[in-house]
């Protein structure tokens, strides 16, 4: 079903924008972590699942304790959930 409410479309677009920003933050974290890891232990940029994301976040936090990319990543994920929930509740 195509949403007819303009706010729903706006919330969906904002949610998609936030999830894309979260992916950019994850790619930046992978790049910074891979720069310090040996070649055999580097993370691939392709394919994401919960276990891999958790390992990347733990490795990034251990290498960069004051790194801000985790906060950007989590903030974007939180905003995505918020915008998607707002879109679902406003779709009538």
Protein backbone atom coordinates (compact mmCIF):
# COMPACT_ATOMS: atom_id res chain seq x y z
CA UNK A 1 0.00 0.00 0.00
CA UNK A 2 1.32 3.44 -0.92
CA UNK A 3 1.09 5.98 1.94
CA UNK A 4 -1.07 8.96 1.11
CA UNK A 5 -0.13 11.06 4.12
CA UNK A 6 2.75 13.45 3.47
CA UNK A 7 4.10 13.06 7.00
CA UNK A 8 4.42 9.31 6.55
CA UNK A 9 6.51 9.77 3.42
CA UNK A 10 8.64 12.38 5.22
CA UNK A 11 9.20 10.07 8.21
CA UNK A 12 10.10 7.16 5.93
CA UNK A 13 12.61 9.30 4.03
CA UNK A 14 14.14 10.53 7.28
CA UNK A 15 14.42 6.94 8.53
CA UNK A 16 16.12 5.80 5.34
CA UNK A 17 18.51 8.76 5.52
CA UNK A 18 19.44 7.90 9.10
CA UNK A 19 20.10 4.23 8.31
CA UNK A 20 22.34 5.28 5.40
CA UNK A 21 24.23 7.61 7.77
CA UNK A 22 24.60 4.71 10.24
CA UNK A 23 26.09 2.58 7.45
CA UNK A 24 28.57 5.35 6.63
CA UNK A 25 29.59 5.45 10.31
CA UNK A 26 30.02 1.65 10.31
CA UNK A 27 32.16 1.80 7.16
CA UNK A 28 34.32 4.50 8.78
CA UNK A 29 34.74 2.32 11.88
CA UNK A 30 35.73 -0.67 9.74
CA UNK A 31 38.29 1.48 7.89
CA UNK A 32 39.84 2.76 11.11
CA UNK A 33 39.92 -0.69 12.71
CA UNK A 34 41.36 -2.33 9.59
CA UNK A 35 44.15 0.23 9.48
CA UNK A 36 45.47 -1.13 12.81
CA UNK A 37 44.75 -4.84 12.37
CA UNK A 38 47.01 -7.36 10.62
CA UNK A 39 45.90 -8.41 7.16
CA UNK A 40 44.57 -11.79 8.36
CA UNK A 41 42.29 -10.26 11.00
CA UNK A 42 40.73 -7.44 8.99
CA UNK A 43 36.98 -7.08 8.60
CA UNK A 44 35.33 -7.23 5.22
CA UNK A 45 33.25 -4.27 4.06
CA UNK A 46 30.66 -6.65 2.57
CA UNK A 47 27.90 -8.37 4.48
CA UNK A 48 26.55 -7.33 7.86
CA UNK A 49 24.95 -9.42 10.57
CA UNK A 50 24.51 -8.98 14.30
CA UNK A 51 27.63 -10.93 15.30
CA UNK A 52 29.88 -9.07 12.89
CA UNK A 53 28.52 -5.67 13.92
CA UNK A 54 29.09 -6.55 17.58
CA UNK A 55 32.70 -7.62 16.92
CA UNK A 56 33.37 -4.43 14.95
CA UNK A 57 31.93 -2.24 17.72
CA UNK A 58 33.92 -4.08 20.43
CA UNK A 59 37.14 -3.88 18.43
CA UNK A 60 36.59 -0.20 17.65
CA UNK A 61 35.90 0.58 21.31
CA UNK A 62 39.06 -1.24 22.44
CA UNK A 63 41.24 0.55 19.86
CA UNK A 64 39.57 3.96 20.11
CA UNK A 65 38.17 4.36 23.65
CA UNK A 66 37.23 7.99 23.04
CA UNK A 67 36.01 7.42 19.46
CA UNK A 68 32.81 9.24 18.57
CA UNK A 69 31.73 7.04 15.66
CA UNK A 70 29.96 4.60 17.99
CA UNK A 71 27.77 7.44 19.26
CA UNK A 72 27.01 8.57 15.71
CA UNK A 73 26.16 4.98 14.75
CA UNK A 74 23.89 4.38 17.74
CA UNK A 75 22.23 7.79 17.38
CA UNK A 76 21.43 7.13 13.73
CA UNK A 77 20.02 3.69 14.55
CA UNK A 78 17.89 5.20 17.32
CA UNK A 79 16.60 7.94 15.03
CA UNK A 80 15.79 5.35 12.37
CA UNK A 81 13.68 3.39 14.84
CA UNK A 82 11.97 6.60 15.97
CA UNK A 83 11.17 7.78 12.44
CA UNK A 84 9.89 4.35 11.37
CA UNK A 85 7.67 4.15 14.45
CA UNK A 86 6.34 7.64 13.74
CA UNK A 87 5.61 6.63 10.16
CA UNK A 88 3.77 3.51 11.33
CA UNK A 89 1.65 5.41 13.85
CA UNK A 90 0.77 8.20 11.42
CA UNK A 91 -0.26 5.86 8.60
CA UNK A 92 -4.05 5.70 8.74
